[in-house]
């Protein structure tokens, strides 16, 4: 009995290819255009270790980079403003045309000392008016030195008007010194042959009061208040604290 051929006949398409060889071609992927920022992030992601090469990690990294840039730029800007503002006491505000608090207050200190010398020679060092003026001058000098040296040179806690602010204490000390010198000069006028012709001490008293007049016209406080508005809000106050920016106080 002849062997039967049980193999199935395969239909072959013309040309020698079976029907199974025909498959739909995959559509080519469309190229995605990246923005410059995305290209930078992609480059950073490519450099990450395999464990970090994920979209989430790249996103987190981008947030960190942006925050670092924000805080770095913001802190540097605030620091620059602070460095300018803290020099106003000695260098003066631009609007004051070269006049500054430190110089005028030093003039008040020196002329008060000269008036005291004259009064001490006239009334004696133990005179009540001389002692009161000397105490006022000592307090004023301590406050002025503290402000000029950043509050590091001397403790002002013993002063009755010190409330934690060296600049406020200096302002109060200046007011007290002014009152004491006025009283002392009035006492000198009582002893003078002509109260309107007091000689050298009259010139010193004139300079003492002239410095006070100049201080009253300075734009220092206006500039400080404006600066405080700029750095006192959020996020400037936070950035300032992080970058070591300190308070700049008005003379008041």
C-alpha atoms as a PDB file:
ATOM      1  CA  UNK A   1       0.000   0.000   0.000  1.00  0.00           C
ATOM      2  CA  UNK A   2       1.488   3.287  -1.051  1.00  0.00           C
ATOM      3  CA  UNK A   3       2.414   5.750   1.663  1.00  0.00           C
ATOM      4  CA  UNK A   4      -0.127   8.533   1.794  1.00  0.00           C
ATOM      5  CA  UNK A   5       1.062  12.170   1.943  1.00  0.00           C
ATOM      6  CA  UNK A   6      -0.715  13.653   4.937  1.00  0.00           C
ATOM      7  CA  UNK A   7       1.204  16.977   4.931  1.00  0.00           C
ATOM      8  CA  UNK A   8      -1.001  20.035   4.510  1.00  0.00           C
ATOM      9  CA  UNK A   9      -0.667  21.952   1.345  1.00  0.00           C
ATOM     10  CA  UNK A  10       0.542  25.492   2.095  1.00  0.00           C
ATOM     11  CA  UNK A  11      -0.759  28.198  -0.098  1.00  0.00           C
ATOM     12  CA  UNK A  12       2.037  30.245  -1.362  1.00  0.00           C
ATOM     13  CA  UNK A  13       1.484  33.700  -2.593  1.00  0.00           C
ATOM     14  CA  UNK A  14       2.866  34.575  -5.933  1.00  0.00           C
ATOM     15  CA  UNK A  15       6.477  35.528  -5.776  1.00  0.00           C
ATOM     16  CA  UNK A  16       7.445  32.901  -3.187  1.00  0.00           C
ATOM     17  CA  UNK A  17       6.282  34.715   0.037  1.00  0.00           C
ATOM     18  CA  UNK A  18       3.733  33.233   2.344  1.00  0.00           C
ATOM     19  CA  UNK A  19       0.886  35.350   3.658  1.00  0.00           C
ATOM     20  CA  UNK A  20       2.370  35.375   7.159  1.00  0.00           C
ATOM     21  CA  UNK A  21       5.351  37.365   6.031  1.00  0.00           C
ATOM     22  CA  UNK A  22       3.196  40.398   5.396  1.00  0.00           C
ATOM     23  CA  UNK A  23       2.964  42.592   8.559  1.00  0.00           C
ATOM     24  CA  UNK A  24       2.037  46.180   9.026  1.00  0.00           C
ATOM     25  CA  UNK A  25       5.135  48.292   9.300  1.00  0.00           C
ATOM     26  CA  UNK A  26       5.585  50.190  12.537  1.00  0.00           C
ATOM     27  CA  UNK A  27       5.084  53.886  12.186  1.00  0.00           C
ATOM     28  CA  UNK A  28       8.274  55.835  12.771  1.00  0.00           C
ATOM     29  CA  UNK A  29       8.332  57.721  16.083  1.00  0.00           C
ATOM     30  CA  UNK A  30       8.012  61.424  15.728  1.00  0.00           C
ATOM     31  CA  UNK A  31      11.020  63.364  17.002  1.00  0.00           C
ATOM     32  CA  UNK A  32      10.303  65.455  20.093  1.00  0.00           C
ATOM     33  CA  UNK A  33      11.700  68.956  20.048  1.00  0.00           C
ATOM     34  CA  UNK A  34      13.192  69.949  23.398  1.00  0.00           C
ATOM     35  CA  UNK A  35      13.437  73.467  24.703  1.00  0.00           C
ATOM     36  CA  UNK A  36      16.897  74.716  25.751  1.00  0.00           C
ATOM     37  CA  UNK A  37      15.984  74.229  29.439  1.00  0.00           C
ATOM     38  CA  UNK A  38      14.766  70.675  28.734  1.00  0.00           C
ATOM     39  CA  UNK A  39      17.965  69.968  26.822  1.00  0.00           C
ATOM     40  CA  UNK A  40      20.015  71.031  29.851  1.00  0.00           C
ATOM     41  CA  UNK A  41      17.908  68.837  32.125  1.00  0.00           C
ATOM     42  CA  UNK A  42      18.279  65.934  29.720  1.00  0.00           C
ATOM     43  CA  UNK A  43      22.041  66.386  29.754  1.00  0.00           C
ATOM     44  CA  UNK A  44      22.029  66.380  33.549  1.00  0.00           C
ATOM     45  CA  UNK A  45      19.848  63.283  33.583  1.00  0.00           C
ATOM     46  CA  UNK A  46      22.226  61.500  31.224  1.00  0.00           C
ATOM     47  CA  UNK A  47      25.068  62.073  33.679  1.00  0.00           C
ATOM     48  CA  UNK A  48      23.139  60.673  36.617  1.00  0.00           C
ATOM     49  CA  UNK A  49      23.813  57.163  37.928  1.00  0.00           C
ATOM     50  CA  UNK A  50      21.361  54.561  36.691  1.00  0.00           C
ATOM     51  CA  UNK A  51      19.512  54.558  39.996  1.00  0.00           C
ATOM     52  CA  UNK A  52      18.771  58.254  39.606  1.00  0.00           C
ATOM     53  CA  UNK A  53      18.006  58.286  35.911  1.00  0.00           C
ATOM     54  CA  UNK A  54      14.299  58.653  36.262  1.00  0.00           C
ATOM     55  CA  UNK A  55      11.959  61.412  35.349  1.00  0.00           C
ATOM     56  CA  UNK A  56      11.093  61.995  38.985  1.00  0.00           C
ATOM     57  CA  UNK A  57      14.744  62.289  39.954  1.00  0.00           C
ATOM     58  CA  UNK A  58      15.418  64.707  37.130  1.00  0.00           C
ATOM     59  CA  UNK A  59      12.422  66.792  38.152  1.00  0.00           C
ATOM     60  CA  UNK A  60      13.611  66.854  41.746  1.00  0.00           C
ATOM     61  CA  UNK A  61      17.084  67.851  40.591  1.00  0.00           C
ATOM     62  CA  UNK A  62      15.675  70.674  38.495  1.00  0.00           C
ATOM     63  CA  UNK A  63      13.740  71.985  41.475  1.00  0.00           C
ATOM     64  CA  UNK A  64      16.871  71.887  43.622  1.00  0.00           C
ATOM     65  CA  UNK A  65      18.895  73.683  40.947  1.00  0.00           C
ATOM     66  CA  UNK A  66      16.261  76.390  40.519  1.00  0.00           C
ATOM     67  CA  UNK A  67      15.904  76.904  44.267  1.00  0.00           C
ATOM     68  CA  UNK A  68      19.665  77.110  44.676  1.00  0.00           C
ATOM     69  CA  UNK A  69      19.853  79.686  41.904  1.00  0.00           C
ATOM     70  CA  UNK A  70      16.983  81.686  43.424  1.00  0.00           C
ATOM     71  CA  UNK A  71      18.413  81.722  46.930  1.00  0.00           C
ATOM     72  CA  UNK A  72      21.934  82.371  45.698  1.00  0.00           C
ATOM     73  CA  UNK A  73      20.965  85.318  43.507  1.00  0.00           C
ATOM     74  CA  UNK A  74      18.520  86.721  46.050  1.00  0.00           C
ATOM     75  CA  UNK A  75      20.970  86.463  48.936  1.00  0.00           C
ATOM     76  CA  UNK A  76      23.744  88.140  46.950  1.00  0.00           C
ATOM     77  CA  UNK A  77      21.422  90.985  45.980  1.00  0.00           C
ATOM     78  CA  UNK A  78      20.306  91.534  49.576  1.00  0.00           C
ATOM     79  CA  UNK A  79      23.870  91.361  50.828  1.00  0.00           C
ATOM     80  CA  UNK A  80      24.848  94.081  48.374  1.00  0.00           C
ATOM     81  CA  UNK A  81      22.031  96.340  49.588  1.00  0.00           C
ATOM     82  CA  UNK A  82      22.995  95.719  53.202  1.00  0.00           C
ATOM     83  CA  UNK A  83      26.666  96.525  52.560  1.00  0.00           C
ATOM     84  CA  UNK A  84      25.594  99.845  51.046  1.00  0.00           C
ATOM     85  CA  UNK A  85      23.090 100.707  53.780  1.00  0.00           C
ATOM     86  CA  UNK A  86      25.409  99.981  56.685  1.00  0.00           C
ATOM     87  CA  UNK A  87      27.907 102.532  55.317  1.00  0.00           C
ATOM     88  CA  UNK A  88      25.398 105.390  55.361  1.00  0.00           C
ATOM     89  CA  UNK A  89      26.266 106.263  58.965  1.00  0.00           C
ATOM     90  CA  UNK A  90      29.908 106.993  58.127  1.00  0.00           C
ATOM     91  CA  UNK A  91      29.834 107.657  54.360  1.00  0.00           C
ATOM     92  CA  UNK A  92      26.483 109.421  54.220  1.00  0.00           C
ATOM     93  CA  UNK A  93      23.513 109.104  51.896  1.00  0.00           C
ATOM     94  CA  UNK A  94      24.004 110.348  48.336  1.00  0.00           C
ATOM     95  CA  UNK A  95      21.288 112.981  48.818  1.00  0.00           C
ATOM     96  CA  UNK A  96      23.239 114.568  51.702  1.00  0.00           C
ATOM     97  CA  UNK A  97      26.143 115.703  49.498  1.00  0.00           C
ATOM     98  CA  UNK A  98      28.995 114.476  51.685  1.00  0.00           C
ATOM     99  CA  UNK A  99      27.505 115.148  55.113  1.00  0.00           C
ATOM    100  CA  UNK A 100      27.089 112.164  57.399  1.00  0.00           C
ATOM    101  CA  UNK A 101      25.919 111.324  60.887  1.00  0.00           C
ATOM    102  CA  UNK A 102      29.235 110.040  62.176  1.00  0.00           C
ATOM    103  CA  UNK A 103      31.124 113.233  61.356  1.00  0.00           C
ATOM    104  CA  UNK A 104      28.473 115.581  62.736  1.00  0.00           C
ATOM    105  CA  UNK A 105      28.076 113.580  65.929  1.00  0.00           C
ATOM    106  CA  UNK A 106      31.849 113.567  66.373  1.00  0.00           C
ATOM    107  CA  UNK A 107      31.780 117.357  66.027  1.00  0.00           C
ATOM    108  CA  UNK A 108      29.156 117.459  68.777  1.00  0.00           C
ATOM    109  CA  UNK A 109      31.367 115.284  70.965  1.00  0.00           C
ATOM    110  CA  UNK A 110      34.517 117.386  70.472  1.00  0.00           C
ATOM    111  CA  UNK A 111      32.893 120.795  70.888  1.00  0.00           C
ATOM    112  CA  UNK A 112      31.033 119.604  74.003  1.00  0.00           C
ATOM    113  CA  UNK A 113      34.368 118.526  75.487  1.00  0.00           C
ATOM    114  CA  UNK A 114      35.856 121.976  74.763  1.00  0.00           C
ATOM    115  CA  UNK A 115      32.900 123.735  76.374  1.00  0.00           C
ATOM    116  CA  UNK A 116      33.261 121.461  79.387  1.00  0.00           C
ATOM    117  CA  UNK A 117      36.927 122.380  79.723  1.00  0.00           C
ATOM    118  CA  UNK A 118      36.078 126.077  79.796  1.00  0.00           C
ATOM    119  CA  UNK A 119      33.264 125.514  82.295  1.00  0.00           C
ATOM    120  CA  UNK A 120      35.458 123.354  84.513  1.00  0.00           C
ATOM    121  CA  UNK A 121      38.111 126.083  84.608  1.00  0.00           C
ATOM    122  CA  UNK A 122      35.435 128.653  85.416  1.00  0.00           C
ATOM    123  CA  UNK A 123      33.268 126.851  87.972  1.00  0.00           C
ATOM    124  CA  UNK A 124      35.485 123.981  89.081  1.00  0.00           C
ATOM    125  CA  UNK A 125      35.283 120.283  88.204  1.00  0.00           C
ATOM    126  CA  UNK A 126      32.902 119.631  91.111  1.00  0.00           C
ATOM    127  CA  UNK A 127      30.265 122.072  89.913  1.00  0.00           C
ATOM    128  CA  UNK A 128      26.826 120.452  89.558  1.00  0.00           C
ATOM    129  CA  UNK A 129      26.424 121.753  86.003  1.00  0.00           C
ATOM    130  CA  UNK A 130      29.875 120.531  85.022  1.00  0.00           C
ATOM    131  CA  UNK A 131      29.303 117.087  86.538  1.00  0.00           C
ATOM    132  CA  UNK A 132      25.929 116.735  84.804  1.00  0.00           C
ATOM    133  CA  UNK A 133      27.401 117.729  81.447  1.00  0.00           C
ATOM    134  CA  UNK A 134      30.386 115.408  81.952  1.00  0.00           C
ATOM    135  CA  UNK A 135      28.088 112.451  82.667  1.00  0.00           C
ATOM    136  CA  UNK A 136      26.034 113.247  79.568  1.00  0.00           C
ATOM    137  CA  UNK A 137      29.204 113.468  77.463  1.00  0.00           C
ATOM    138  CA  UNK A 138      30.520 110.157  78.810  1.00  0.00           C
ATOM    139  CA  UNK A 139      27.259 108.402  77.945  1.00  0.00           C
ATOM    140  CA  UNK A 140      27.210 110.003  74.508  1.00  0.00           C
ATOM    141  CA  UNK A 141      30.801 108.967  73.781  1.00  0.00           C
ATOM    142  CA  UNK A 142      30.075 105.389  74.846  1.00  0.00           C
ATOM    143  CA  UNK A 143      27.080 105.198  72.506  1.00  0.00           C
ATOM    144  CA  UNK A 144      28.948 106.802  69.613  1.00  0.00           C
ATOM    145  CA  UNK A 145      31.860 104.379  69.968  1.00  0.00           C
ATOM    146  CA  UNK A 146      29.458 101.439  70.153  1.00  0.00           C
ATOM    147  CA  UNK A 147      27.747 102.442  66.905  1.00  0.00           C
ATOM    148  CA  UNK A 148      31.002 103.229  65.108  1.00  0.00           C
ATOM    149  CA  UNK A 149      32.422  99.841  66.135  1.00  0.00           C
ATOM    150  CA  UNK A 150      29.320  97.816  65.399  1.00  0.00           C
ATOM    151  CA  UNK A 151      28.196  97.663  69.028  1.00  0.00           C
ATOM    152  CA  UNK A 152      31.112  95.415  69.965  1.00  0.00           C
ATOM    153  CA  UNK A 153      33.331  97.741  71.980  1.00  0.00           C
ATOM    154  CA  UNK A 154      31.251  98.599  75.002  1.00  0.00           C
ATOM    155  CA  UNK A 155      28.143  97.488  76.837  1.00  0.00           C
ATOM    156  CA  UNK A 156      25.440 100.119  77.099  1.00  0.00           C
ATOM    157  CA  UNK A 157      23.154  98.190  79.421  1.00  0.00           C
ATOM    158  CA  UNK A 158      23.866 100.581  82.309  1.00  0.00           C
ATOM    159  CA  UNK A 159      22.355 103.532  80.451  1.00  0.00           C
ATOM    160  CA  UNK A 160      18.775 104.282  81.536  1.00  0.00           C
ATOM    161  CA  UNK A 161      17.577 104.856  77.970  1.00  0.00           C
ATOM    162  CA  UNK A 162      19.221 101.794  76.394  1.00  0.00           C
ATOM    163  CA  UNK A 163      16.537  99.376  75.152  1.00  0.00           C
ATOM    164  CA  UNK A 164      18.579  97.005  73.023  1.00  0.00           C
ATOM    165  CA  UNK A 165      19.260  99.377  70.132  1.00  0.00           C
ATOM    166  CA  UNK A 166      22.633 101.125  70.056  1.00  0.00           C
ATOM    167  CA  UNK A 167      21.400 103.657  67.491  1.00  0.00           C
ATOM    168  CA  UNK A 168      18.369 104.575  69.577  1.00  0.00           C
ATOM    169  CA  UNK A 169      20.606 104.864  72.641  1.00  0.00           C
ATOM    170  CA  UNK A 170      22.906 107.188  70.683  1.00  0.00           C
ATOM    171  CA  UNK A 171      19.952 109.351  69.695  1.00  0.00           C
ATOM    172  CA  UNK A 172      18.785 109.576  73.312  1.00  0.00           C
ATOM    173  CA  UNK A 173      22.330 110.313  74.506  1.00  0.00           C
ATOM    174  CA  UNK A 174      22.637 113.107  71.949  1.00  0.00           C
ATOM    175  CA  UNK A 175      19.409 114.661  73.192  1.00  0.00           C
ATOM    176  CA  UNK A 176      20.631 114.467  76.795  1.00  0.00           C
ATOM    177  CA  UNK A 177      24.010 115.952  75.854  1.00  0.00           C
ATOM    178  CA  UNK A 178      22.344 118.825  74.042  1.00  0.00           C
ATOM    179  CA  UNK A 179      20.249 119.702  77.089  1.00  0.00           C
ATOM    180  CA  UNK A 180      23.248 119.482  79.446  1.00  0.00           C
ATOM    181  CA  UNK A 181      25.478 121.676  77.265  1.00  0.00           C
ATOM    182  CA  UNK A 182      22.695 124.243  76.852  1.00  0.00           C
ATOM    183  CA  UNK A 183      22.401 124.533  80.631  1.00  0.00           C
ATOM    184  CA  UNK A 184      26.162 124.720  81.058  1.00  0.00           C
ATOM    185  CA  UNK A 185      26.534 127.441  78.434  1.00  0.00           C
ATOM    186  CA  UNK A 186      23.696 129.419  79.988  1.00  0.00           C
ATOM    187  CA  UNK A 187      25.592 129.253  83.290  1.00  0.00           C
ATOM    188  CA  UNK A 188      28.713 130.557  81.550  1.00  0.00           C
ATOM    189  CA  UNK A 189      26.724 133.445  80.083  1.00  0.00           C
ATOM    190  CA  UNK A 190      25.607 134.408  83.581  1.00  0.00           C
ATOM    191  CA  UNK A 191      29.255 134.839  84.581  1.00  0.00           C
ATOM    192  CA  UNK A 192      30.290 136.719  81.440  1.00  0.00           C
ATOM    193  CA  UNK A 193      30.623 140.492  81.281  1.00  0.00           C
ATOM    194  CA  UNK A 194      28.849 140.424  77.925  1.00  0.00           C
ATOM    195  CA  UNK A 195      26.764 137.268  77.219  1.00  0.00           C
ATOM    196  CA  UNK A 196      26.958 138.012  73.491  1.00  0.00           C
ATOM    197  CA  UNK A 197      30.755 138.159  73.509  1.00  0.00           C
ATOM    198  CA  UNK A 198      31.919 134.882  75.006  1.00  0.00           C
ATOM    199  CA  UNK A 199      35.092 134.449  72.998  1.00  0.00           C
ATOM    200  CA  UNK A 200      36.293 130.972  71.998  1.00  0.00           C
ATOM    201  CA  UNK A 201      33.627 129.108  73.956  1.00  0.00           C
ATOM    202  CA  UNK A 202      30.956 130.950  71.992  1.00  0.00           C
ATOM    203  CA  UNK A 203      32.453 129.632  68.771  1.00  0.00           C
ATOM    204  CA  UNK A 204      32.499 126.097  70.181  1.00  0.00           C
ATOM    205  CA  UNK A 205      28.877 126.380  71.229  1.00  0.00           C
ATOM    206  CA  UNK A 206      27.968 127.641  67.770  1.00  0.00           C
ATOM    207  CA  UNK A 207      29.628 124.618  66.131  1.00  0.00           C
ATOM    208  CA  UNK A 208      27.915 122.308  68.614  1.00  0.00           C
ATOM    209  CA  UNK A 209      24.492 123.618  67.609  1.00  0.00           C
ATOM    210  CA  UNK A 210      25.371 123.853  63.917  1.00  0.00           C
ATOM    211  CA  UNK A 211      26.129 120.129  63.865  1.00  0.00           C
ATOM    212  CA  UNK A 212      22.709 119.463  65.401  1.00  0.00           C
ATOM    213  CA  UNK A 213      21.065 121.561  62.687  1.00  0.00           C
ATOM    214  CA  UNK A 214      22.846 119.607  59.947  1.00  0.00           C
ATOM    215  CA  UNK A 215      21.834 116.300  61.544  1.00  0.00           C
ATOM    216  CA  UNK A 216      18.224 117.438  61.450  1.00  0.00           C
ATOM    217  CA  UNK A 217      18.395 117.913  57.664  1.00  0.00           C
ATOM    218  CA  UNK A 218      20.126 114.629  56.781  1.00  0.00           C
ATOM    219  CA  UNK A 219      18.271 112.053  54.681  1.00  0.00           C
ATOM    220  CA  UNK A 220      19.766 109.149  56.620  1.00  0.00           C
ATOM    221  CA  UNK A 221      16.518 108.124  58.310  1.00  0.00           C
ATOM    222  CA  UNK A 222      14.520 108.385  55.082  1.00  0.00           C
ATOM    223  CA  UNK A 223      16.982 106.074  53.330  1.00  0.00           C
ATOM    224  CA  UNK A 224      16.978 103.603  56.233  1.00  0.00           C
ATOM    225  CA  UNK A 225      13.181 103.407  56.378  1.00  0.00           C
ATOM    226  CA  UNK A 226      13.052 102.752  52.629  1.00  0.00           C
ATOM    227  CA  UNK A 227      15.702 100.065  52.969  1.00  0.00           C
ATOM    228  CA  UNK A 228      13.771  98.412  55.796  1.00  0.00           C
ATOM    229  CA  UNK A 229      10.679  98.220  53.580  1.00  0.00           C
ATOM    230  CA  UNK A 230      12.652  96.495  50.832  1.00  0.00           C
ATOM    231  CA  UNK A 231      14.235  93.845  53.046  1.00  0.00           C
ATOM    232  CA  UNK A 232      11.488  93.406  55.619  1.00  0.00           C
ATOM    233  CA  UNK A 233       8.933  91.468  53.547  1.00  0.00           C
ATOM    234  CA  UNK A 234       8.838  87.873  52.357  1.00  0.00           C
ATOM    235  CA  UNK A 235      10.967  86.285  50.976  1.00  0.00           C
ATOM    236  CA  UNK A 236      13.561  89.039  51.504  1.00  0.00           C
ATOM    237  CA  UNK A 237      13.454  88.683  55.289  1.00  0.00           C
ATOM    238  CA  UNK A 238      14.117  84.934  55.034  1.00  0.00           C
ATOM    239  CA  UNK A 239      16.923  85.370  52.520  1.00  0.00           C
ATOM    240  CA  UNK A 240      18.425  88.104  54.671  1.00  0.00           C
ATOM    241  CA  UNK A 241      18.505  85.877  57.732  1.00  0.00           C
ATOM    242  CA  UNK A 242      20.133  83.068  55.742  1.00  0.00           C
ATOM    243  CA  UNK A 243      22.787  85.354  54.260  1.00  0.00           C
ATOM    244  CA  UNK A 244      23.729  87.074  57.520  1.00  0.00           C
ATOM    245  CA  UNK A 245      22.162  90.445  56.717  1.00  0.00           C
ATOM    246  CA  UNK A 246      21.739  92.500  59.896  1.00  0.00           C
ATOM    247  CA  UNK A 247      19.368  95.324  60.730  1.00  0.00           C
ATOM    248  CA  UNK A 248      20.241  98.901  59.801  1.00  0.00           C
ATOM    249  CA  UNK A 249      18.706 101.224  62.400  1.00  0.00           C
ATOM    250  CA  UNK A 250      17.429 104.782  62.050  1.00  0.00           C
ATOM    251  CA  UNK A 251      18.806 107.607  64.165  1.00  0.00           C
ATOM    252  CA  UNK A 252      15.655 108.051  66.217  1.00  0.00           C
END
